[in-house]
Amino acid sequence: MHSPVSHTVLFVDDDKDDLEFYGEILQETISNLVIYQARSGSEAIRLLNAAELPDSLPRLIIIDMNMPVMDGMETILQIKKEKRFSPIPIVVLSTARVLRESGQLQMLGISHFTKPSSYAEMKKIAQLLLRFFNDENNPPR
């Protein structure tokens, strides 16, 4: 008998408290979840580049838009232009209800969620993110 497969997420946000709060709720909701954290867009790109095998790439990237130096949109565009990273689904989790980049995100097929202020609201978002770990819809790379 083998151990259950881990689901991996790369969570990119410059706010350490947000990484911890939302990360804990995601781990409570999604079984076998492993979260890799990046505090900047450039750190996220470094982590992705360090993945040597396709199996070591995350199944989902969750990214904040408002980050210093390399913002969320710049990071997304960097990820999407790399052939081996472009199939990884990306979800934006941002404090802004309306994003000036919403048209661009829509064209890239990227969902946007407003950062919730309560545990219950984040739990609902975490439930929606479960779809990215359905093996039928998102086979391992």
N, C-alpha and C. Protein backbone atom coordinates (compact mmCIF):
# COMPACT_ATOMS: atom_id res chain seq x y z
N MET A 1 0.84 -1.18 0.00
CA MET A 1 0.00 0.00 0.00
C MET A 1 0.89 1.24 0.00
N HIS A 2 0.55 2.22 -0.83
CA HIS A 2 1.37 3.42 -0.91
C HIS A 2 0.67 4.59 -0.21
N SER A 3 1.47 5.59 0.14
CA SER A 3 0.92 6.75 0.83
C SER A 3 0.17 7.65 -0.16
N PRO A 4 -0.81 8.41 0.33
CA PRO A 4 -1.57 9.29 -0.56
C PRO A 4 -0.67 10.33 -1.22
N VAL A 5 -1.03 10.70 -2.43
CA VAL A 5 -0.27 11.69 -3.18
C VAL A 5 -0.45 13.06 -2.55
N SER A 6 0.64 13.82 -2.47
CA SER A 6 0.56 15.18 -1.95
C SER A 6 0.12 16.12 -3.06
N HIS A 7 -0.68 17.07 -2.70
CA HIS A 7 -1.07 18.15 -3.61
C HIS A 7 -0.18 19.33 -3.26
N THR A 8 0.40 19.97 -4.27
CA THR A 8 1.30 21.08 -4.00
C THR A 8 0.77 22.39 -4.55
N VAL A 9 1.01 23.44 -3.77
CA VAL A 9 0.62 24.80 -4.13
C VAL A 9 1.83 25.69 -3.93
N LEU A 10 2.03 26.61 -4.85
CA LEU A 10 2.98 27.69 -4.65
C LEU A 10 2.15 28.92 -4.32
N PHE A 11 2.31 29.45 -3.11
CA PHE A 11 1.54 30.58 -2.64
C PHE A 11 2.49 31.78 -2.60
N VAL A 12 2.18 32.80 -3.42
CA VAL A 12 3.05 33.97 -3.58
C VAL A 12 2.37 35.21 -3.01
N ASP A 13 2.93 35.74 -1.93
CA ASP A 13 2.36 36.92 -1.29
C ASP A 13 3.44 37.55 -0.44
N ASP A 14 3.55 38.87 -0.48
CA ASP A 14 4.57 39.55 0.31
C ASP A 14 4.15 39.73 1.78
N ASP A 15 2.90 39.41 2.10
CA ASP A 15 2.39 39.55 3.46
C ASP A 15 2.48 38.21 4.19
N LYS A 16 3.40 38.12 5.14
CA LYS A 16 3.63 36.87 5.88
C LYS A 16 2.38 36.41 6.62
N ASP A 17 1.62 37.35 7.20
CA ASP A 17 0.40 36.99 7.93
C ASP A 17 -0.64 36.37 7.00
N ASP A 18 -0.78 36.92 5.79
CA ASP A 18 -1.72 36.36 4.81
C ASP A 18 -1.29 34.95 4.41
N LEU A 19 0.00 34.76 4.18
CA LEU A 19 0.50 33.42 3.83
C LEU A 19 0.13 32.42 4.91
N GLU A 20 0.30 32.81 6.16
CA GLU A 20 0.01 31.90 7.27
C GLU A 20 -1.49 31.67 7.44
N PHE A 21 -2.28 32.74 7.48
CA PHE A 21 -3.72 32.63 7.72
C PHE A 21 -4.41 31.83 6.62
N TYR A 22 -4.22 32.27 5.37
CA TYR A 22 -4.88 31.58 4.26
C TYR A 22 -4.29 30.18 4.05
N GLY A 23 -3.00 30.05 4.26
CA GLY A 23 -2.35 28.75 4.11
C GLY A 23 -2.89 27.71 5.07
N GLU A 24 -3.11 28.11 6.32
CA GLU A 24 -3.67 27.18 7.32
C GLU A 24 -5.06 26.70 6.92
N ILE A 25 -5.88 27.62 6.42
CA ILE A 25 -7.24 27.24 6.02
C ILE A 25 -7.20 26.32 4.81
N LEU A 26 -6.31 26.60 3.86
CA LEU A 26 -6.17 25.71 2.70
C LEU A 26 -5.76 24.31 3.14
N GLN A 27 -4.82 24.22 4.08
CA GLN A 27 -4.35 22.91 4.54
C GLN A 27 -5.43 22.16 5.31
N GLU A 28 -6.30 22.89 6.01
CA GLU A 28 -7.43 22.25 6.70
C GLU A 28 -8.44 21.68 5.71
N THR A 29 -8.59 22.35 4.58
CA THR A 29 -9.63 22.02 3.62
C THR A 29 -9.19 20.99 2.59
N ILE A 30 -7.95 21.08 2.15
CA ILE A 30 -7.46 20.21 1.08
C ILE A 30 -6.50 19.18 1.67
N SER A 31 -6.90 17.92 1.61
CA SER A 31 -6.07 16.88 2.23
C SER A 31 -4.74 16.72 1.49
N ASN A 32 -3.72 16.37 2.24
CA ASN A 32 -2.37 16.14 1.71
C ASN A 32 -1.79 17.34 0.98
N LEU A 33 -2.14 18.54 1.43
CA LEU A 33 -1.67 19.75 0.77
C LEU A 33 -0.31 20.16 1.31
N VAL A 34 0.61 20.42 0.38
CA VAL A 34 1.92 20.96 0.72
C VAL A 34 1.98 22.35 0.09
N ILE A 35 2.28 23.36 0.91
CA ILE A 35 2.34 24.73 0.41
C ILE A 35 3.77 25.22 0.43
N TYR A 36 4.23 25.66 -0.73
CA TYR A 36 5.52 26.33 -0.83
C TYR A 36 5.21 27.82 -0.86
N GLN A 37 5.95 28.57 -0.06
CA GLN A 37 5.68 30.00 0.04
C GLN A 37 6.79 30.80 -0.63
N ALA A 38 6.37 31.85 -1.32
CA ALA A 38 7.31 32.81 -1.90
C ALA A 38 6.83 34.19 -1.47
N ARG A 39 7.74 35.02 -1.00
CA ARG A 39 7.38 36.35 -0.51
C ARG A 39 7.49 37.42 -1.59
N SER A 40 7.86 37.00 -2.83
CA SER A 40 7.97 37.96 -3.95
C SER A 40 7.82 37.20 -5.26
N GLY A 41 7.57 37.95 -6.32
CA GLY A 41 7.48 37.34 -7.64
C GLY A 41 8.79 36.71 -8.07
N SER A 42 9.89 37.38 -7.80
CA SER A 42 11.19 36.83 -8.20
C SER A 42 11.52 35.56 -7.43
N GLU A 43 11.13 35.49 -6.15
CA GLU A 43 11.34 34.27 -5.37
C GLU A 43 10.50 33.12 -5.95
N ALA A 44 9.28 33.43 -6.39
CA ALA A 44 8.42 32.41 -7.00
C ALA A 44 9.07 31.85 -8.26
N ILE A 45 9.61 32.73 -9.10
CA ILE A 45 10.27 32.29 -10.33
C ILE A 45 11.48 31.42 -9.99
N ARG A 46 12.25 31.82 -8.98
CA ARG A 46 13.41 31.01 -8.55
C ARG A 46 12.98 29.62 -8.10
N LEU A 47 11.90 29.55 -7.31
CA LEU A 47 11.41 28.25 -6.84
C LEU A 47 10.95 27.37 -8.00
N LEU A 48 10.24 27.96 -8.95
CA LEU A 48 9.80 27.19 -10.11
C LEU A 48 10.99 26.70 -10.92
N ASN A 49 11.98 27.55 -11.12
CA ASN A 49 13.17 27.15 -11.88
C ASN A 49 13.97 26.07 -11.17
N ALA A 50 13.87 26.00 -9.85
CA ALA A 50 14.61 25.00 -9.08
C ALA A 50 13.97 23.61 -9.18
N ALA A 51 12.71 23.56 -9.64
CA ALA A 51 12.04 22.27 -9.78
C ALA A 51 12.67 21.52 -10.95
N GLU A 52 13.33 20.41 -10.63
CA GLU A 52 14.08 19.69 -11.65
C GLU A 52 13.21 18.74 -12.48
N LEU A 53 12.19 18.19 -11.87
CA LEU A 53 11.32 17.24 -12.57
C LEU A 53 9.92 17.81 -12.70
N PRO A 54 9.20 17.43 -13.75
CA PRO A 54 7.81 17.91 -13.88
C PRO A 54 6.96 17.57 -12.65
N ASP A 55 7.24 16.44 -12.01
CA ASP A 55 6.48 16.04 -10.82
C ASP A 55 6.70 16.99 -9.65
N SER A 56 7.79 17.73 -9.66
CA SER A 56 8.07 18.62 -8.54
C SER A 56 7.49 20.03 -8.73
N LEU A 57 6.82 20.26 -9.85
CA LEU A 57 6.15 21.54 -10.07
C LEU A 57 4.84 21.56 -9.29
N PRO A 58 4.40 22.73 -8.83
CA PRO A 58 3.13 22.79 -8.10
C PRO A 58 1.94 22.50 -9.01
N ARG A 59 0.86 22.03 -8.41
CA ARG A 59 -0.37 21.78 -9.15
C ARG A 59 -1.18 23.06 -9.32
N LEU A 60 -0.87 24.07 -8.49
CA LEU A 60 -1.61 25.34 -8.51
C LEU A 60 -0.69 26.43 -7.98
N ILE A 61 -0.83 27.63 -8.55
CA ILE A 61 -0.13 28.81 -8.04
C ILE A 61 -1.19 29.81 -7.59
N ILE A 62 -1.08 30.26 -6.34
CA ILE A 62 -1.97 31.30 -5.81
C ILE A 62 -1.09 32.53 -5.63
N ILE A 63 -1.53 33.65 -6.19
CA ILE A 63 -0.66 34.83 -6.20
C ILE A 63 -1.41 36.11 -5.85
N ASP A 64 -0.75 36.95 -5.08
CA ASP A 64 -1.26 38.27 -4.76
C ASP A 64 -0.85 39.22 -5.88
N MET A 65 -1.63 40.24 -6.14
CA MET A 65 -1.29 41.19 -7.21
C MET A 65 -0.43 42.33 -6.71
N ASN A 66 -0.65 42.78 -5.49
CA ASN A 66 0.04 43.96 -4.97
C ASN A 66 1.30 43.57 -4.20
N MET A 67 2.40 43.47 -4.94
CA MET A 67 3.69 43.16 -4.33
C MET A 67 4.71 44.15 -4.85
N PRO A 68 5.70 44.48 -4.01
CA PRO A 68 6.73 45.41 -4.47
C PRO A 68 7.67 44.77 -5.49
N VAL A 69 8.38 45.57 -6.22
CA VAL A 69 9.37 45.20 -7.24
C VAL A 69 8.73 44.48 -8.42
N MET A 70 8.38 43.21 -8.27
CA MET A 70 7.74 42.44 -9.33
C MET A 70 6.31 42.13 -8.88
N ASP A 71 5.34 42.87 -9.41
CA ASP A 71 3.96 42.66 -8.95
C ASP A 71 3.38 41.35 -9.51
N GLY A 72 2.16 41.07 -9.10
CA GLY A 72 1.52 39.82 -9.48
C GLY A 72 1.39 39.63 -10.98
N MET A 73 1.00 40.68 -11.70
CA MET A 73 0.83 40.56 -13.16
C MET A 73 2.16 40.28 -13.84
N GLU A 74 3.21 40.96 -13.44
CA GLU A 74 4.53 40.69 -14.02
C GLU A 74 4.95 39.25 -13.75
N THR A 75 4.69 38.77 -12.55
CA THR A 75 5.04 37.40 -12.19
C THR A 75 4.25 36.41 -13.04
N ILE A 76 2.95 36.66 -13.19
CA ILE A 76 2.10 35.78 -14.00
C ILE A 76 2.63 35.72 -15.44
N LEU A 77 2.95 36.87 -16.00
CA LEU A 77 3.43 36.90 -17.39
C LEU A 77 4.76 36.15 -17.53
N GLN A 78 5.63 36.26 -16.53
CA GLN A 78 6.90 35.51 -16.55
C GLN A 78 6.63 34.01 -16.53
N ILE A 79 5.70 33.60 -15.67
CA ILE A 79 5.36 32.17 -15.55
C ILE A 79 4.75 31.67 -16.85
N LYS A 80 3.82 32.43 -17.40
CA LYS A 80 3.12 31.99 -18.62
C LYS A 80 4.03 31.92 -19.84
N LYS A 81 5.11 32.69 -19.87
CA LYS A 81 5.98 32.64 -21.05
C LYS A 81 6.95 31.46 -21.03
N GLU A 82 7.08 30.79 -19.88
CA GLU A 82 7.93 29.60 -19.77
C GLU A 82 7.09 28.37 -20.12
N LYS A 83 7.49 27.66 -21.15
CA LYS A 83 6.71 26.52 -21.65
C LYS A 83 6.38 25.49 -20.56
N ARG A 84 7.35 25.16 -19.72
CA ARG A 84 7.08 24.11 -18.73
C ARG A 84 6.24 24.58 -17.55
N PHE A 85 6.12 25.91 -17.36
CA PHE A 85 5.30 26.43 -16.27
C PHE A 85 3.91 26.86 -16.73
N SER A 86 3.75 27.17 -18.01
CA SER A 86 2.50 27.75 -18.49
C SER A 86 1.26 26.88 -18.26
N PRO A 87 1.37 25.53 -18.21
CA PRO A 87 0.16 24.74 -17.94
C PRO A 87 -0.31 24.79 -16.48
N ILE A 88 0.52 25.29 -15.57
CA ILE A 88 0.14 25.32 -14.16
C ILE A 88 -0.98 26.36 -13.97
N PRO A 89 -2.12 25.93 -13.42
CA PRO A 89 -3.20 26.90 -13.19
C PRO A 89 -2.78 27.95 -12.16
N ILE A 90 -3.24 29.17 -12.38
CA ILE A 90 -2.94 30.28 -11.48
C ILE A 90 -4.26 30.88 -11.01
N VAL A 91 -4.31 31.22 -9.72
CA VAL A 91 -5.45 31.90 -9.12
C VAL A 91 -4.93 33.13 -8.42
N VAL A 92 -5.59 34.26 -8.64
CA VAL A 92 -5.21 35.50 -7.97
C VAL A 92 -6.05 35.65 -6.71
N LEU A 93 -5.38 35.95 -5.60
CA LEU A 93 -6.02 36.23 -4.33
C LEU A 93 -5.53 37.61 -3.91
N SER A 94 -6.39 38.62 -4.06
CA SER A 94 -5.96 40.01 -3.88
C SER A 94 -6.95 40.79 -3.02
N THR A 95 -6.46 41.83 -2.36
CA THR A 95 -7.35 42.67 -1.56
C THR A 95 -8.29 43.49 -2.43
N ALA A 96 -7.89 43.76 -3.66
CA ALA A 96 -8.71 44.57 -4.56
C ALA A 96 -9.92 43.78 -5.07
N ARG A 97 -11.09 44.40 -4.96
CA ARG A 97 -12.30 43.75 -5.49
C ARG A 97 -12.32 43.82 -7.01
N VAL A 98 -11.85 44.93 -7.55
CA VAL A 98 -11.77 45.11 -9.00
C VAL A 98 -10.31 45.37 -9.35
N LEU A 99 -9.82 44.62 -10.29
CA LEU A 99 -8.43 44.77 -10.70
C LEU A 99 -8.35 45.43 -12.07
N ARG A 100 -7.40 46.34 -12.22
CA ARG A 100 -7.22 46.97 -13.54
C ARG A 100 -6.75 45.93 -14.57
N GLU A 101 -6.19 44.84 -14.08
CA GLU A 101 -5.72 43.77 -14.97
C GLU A 101 -6.79 42.70 -15.23
N SER A 102 -8.03 42.94 -14.82
CA SER A 102 -9.05 41.89 -14.90
C SER A 102 -9.26 41.37 -16.33
N GLY A 103 -9.21 42.25 -17.32
CA GLY A 103 -9.36 41.80 -18.71
C GLY A 103 -8.22 40.90 -19.13
N GLN A 104 -7.01 41.26 -18.76
CA GLN A 104 -5.84 40.46 -19.08
C GLN A 104 -5.90 39.10 -18.36
N LEU A 105 -6.32 39.11 -17.10
CA LEU A 105 -6.44 37.85 -16.35
C LEU A 105 -7.49 36.95 -16.99
N GLN A 106 -8.59 37.54 -17.41
CA GLN A 106 -9.66 36.77 -18.04
C GLN A 106 -9.16 36.12 -19.33
N MET A 107 -8.40 36.88 -20.13
CA MET A 107 -7.85 36.33 -21.38
C MET A 107 -6.90 35.17 -21.11
N LEU A 108 -6.21 35.20 -19.97
CA LEU A 108 -5.28 34.13 -19.61
C LEU A 108 -5.97 32.97 -18.88
N GLY A 109 -7.28 33.13 -18.64
CA GLY A 109 -8.03 32.07 -17.96
C GLY A 109 -7.73 31.98 -16.48
N ILE A 110 -7.41 33.12 -15.86
CA ILE A 110 -7.03 33.15 -14.45
C ILE A 110 -8.18 33.68 -13.62
N SER A 111 -8.56 32.92 -12.59
CA SER A 111 -9.62 33.33 -11.67
C SER A 111 -9.09 34.32 -10.65
N HIS A 112 -9.97 35.22 -10.21
CA HIS A 112 -9.61 36.21 -9.20
C HIS A 112 -10.57 36.11 -8.03
N PHE A 113 -10.01 36.02 -6.83
CA PHE A 113 -10.80 36.05 -5.61
C PHE A 113 -10.32 37.22 -4.77
N THR A 114 -11.27 37.92 -4.14
CA THR A 114 -10.91 38.97 -3.21
C THR A 114 -10.52 38.31 -1.89
N LYS A 115 -9.41 38.76 -1.29
CA LYS A 115 -8.98 38.19 -0.02
C LYS A 115 -10.10 38.38 1.00
N PRO A 116 -10.56 37.28 1.56
CA PRO A 116 -11.64 37.38 2.54
C PRO A 116 -11.11 37.86 3.89
N SER A 117 -12.03 38.41 4.68
CA SER A 117 -11.64 38.90 6.00
C SER A 117 -12.01 37.92 7.10
N SER A 118 -12.68 36.83 6.73
CA SER A 118 -13.09 35.87 7.76
C SER A 118 -12.68 34.45 7.40
N TYR A 119 -12.62 33.64 8.42
CA TYR A 119 -12.31 32.22 8.26
C TYR A 119 -13.35 31.55 7.35
N ALA A 120 -14.63 31.82 7.59
CA ALA A 120 -15.71 31.17 6.83
C ALA A 120 -15.63 31.50 5.34
N GLU A 121 -15.33 32.77 5.02
CA GLU A 121 -15.21 33.17 3.61
C GLU A 121 -14.02 32.46 2.95
N MET A 122 -12.90 32.37 3.66
CA MET A 122 -11.73 31.71 3.08
C MET A 122 -11.98 30.22 2.91
N LYS A 123 -12.73 29.64 3.82
CA LYS A 123 -13.08 28.22 3.74
C LYS A 123 -13.86 27.96 2.44
N LYS A 124 -14.76 28.89 2.07
CA LYS A 124 -15.53 28.75 0.83
C LYS A 124 -14.59 28.81 -0.39
N ILE A 125 -13.64 29.72 -0.37
CA ILE A 125 -12.68 29.82 -1.48
C ILE A 125 -11.84 28.54 -1.55
N ALA A 126 -11.40 28.05 -0.41
CA ALA A 126 -10.61 26.81 -0.38
C ALA A 126 -11.40 25.65 -0.98
N GLN A 127 -12.70 25.59 -0.70
CA GLN A 127 -13.55 24.55 -1.29
C GLN A 127 -13.57 24.66 -2.81
N LEU A 128 -13.63 25.89 -3.32
CA LEU A 128 -13.62 26.10 -4.78
C LEU A 128 -12.28 25.67 -5.39
N LEU A 129 -11.20 25.87 -4.65
CA LEU A 129 -9.87 25.51 -5.16
C LEU A 129 -9.65 24.01 -5.22
N LEU A 130 -10.48 23.24 -4.54
CA LEU A 130 -10.37 21.78 -4.58
C LEU A 130 -10.40 21.24 -6.00
N ARG A 131 -11.10 21.93 -6.90
CA ARG A 131 -11.23 21.45 -8.28
C ARG A 131 -9.87 21.31 -8.98
N PHE A 132 -8.89 22.10 -8.55
CA PHE A 132 -7.57 22.03 -9.17
C PHE A 132 -6.81 20.76 -8.80
N PHE A 133 -7.31 20.04 -7.82
CA PHE A 133 -6.64 18.82 -7.39
C PHE A 133 -7.40 17.56 -7.77
N ASN A 134 -8.44 17.73 -8.56
CA ASN A 134 -9.19 16.59 -9.07
C ASN A 134 -8.32 15.96 -10.17
N ASP A 135 -7.85 14.77 -9.96
CA ASP A 135 -6.92 14.11 -10.90
C ASP A 135 -7.47 13.98 -12.29
N GLU A 136 -8.79 13.88 -12.44
CA GLU A 136 -9.38 13.77 -13.75
C GLU A 136 -9.20 15.05 -14.57
N ASN A 137 -9.40 16.19 -13.92
CA ASN A 137 -9.33 17.48 -14.61
C ASN A 137 -7.93 18.07 -14.67
N ASN A 138 -7.05 17.62 -13.81
CA ASN A 138 -5.72 18.20 -13.72
C ASN A 138 -4.69 17.09 -13.51
N PRO A 139 -4.46 16.28 -14.54
CA PRO A 139 -3.55 15.15 -14.36
C PRO A 139 -2.14 15.60 -14.01
N PRO A 140 -1.41 14.76 -13.29
CA PRO A 140 -0.02 15.12 -12.96
C PRO A 140 0.79 15.34 -14.22
N ARG A 141 1.77 16.25 -14.13
CA ARG A 141 2.63 16.51 -15.28
C ARG A 141 3.84 15.62 -15.22
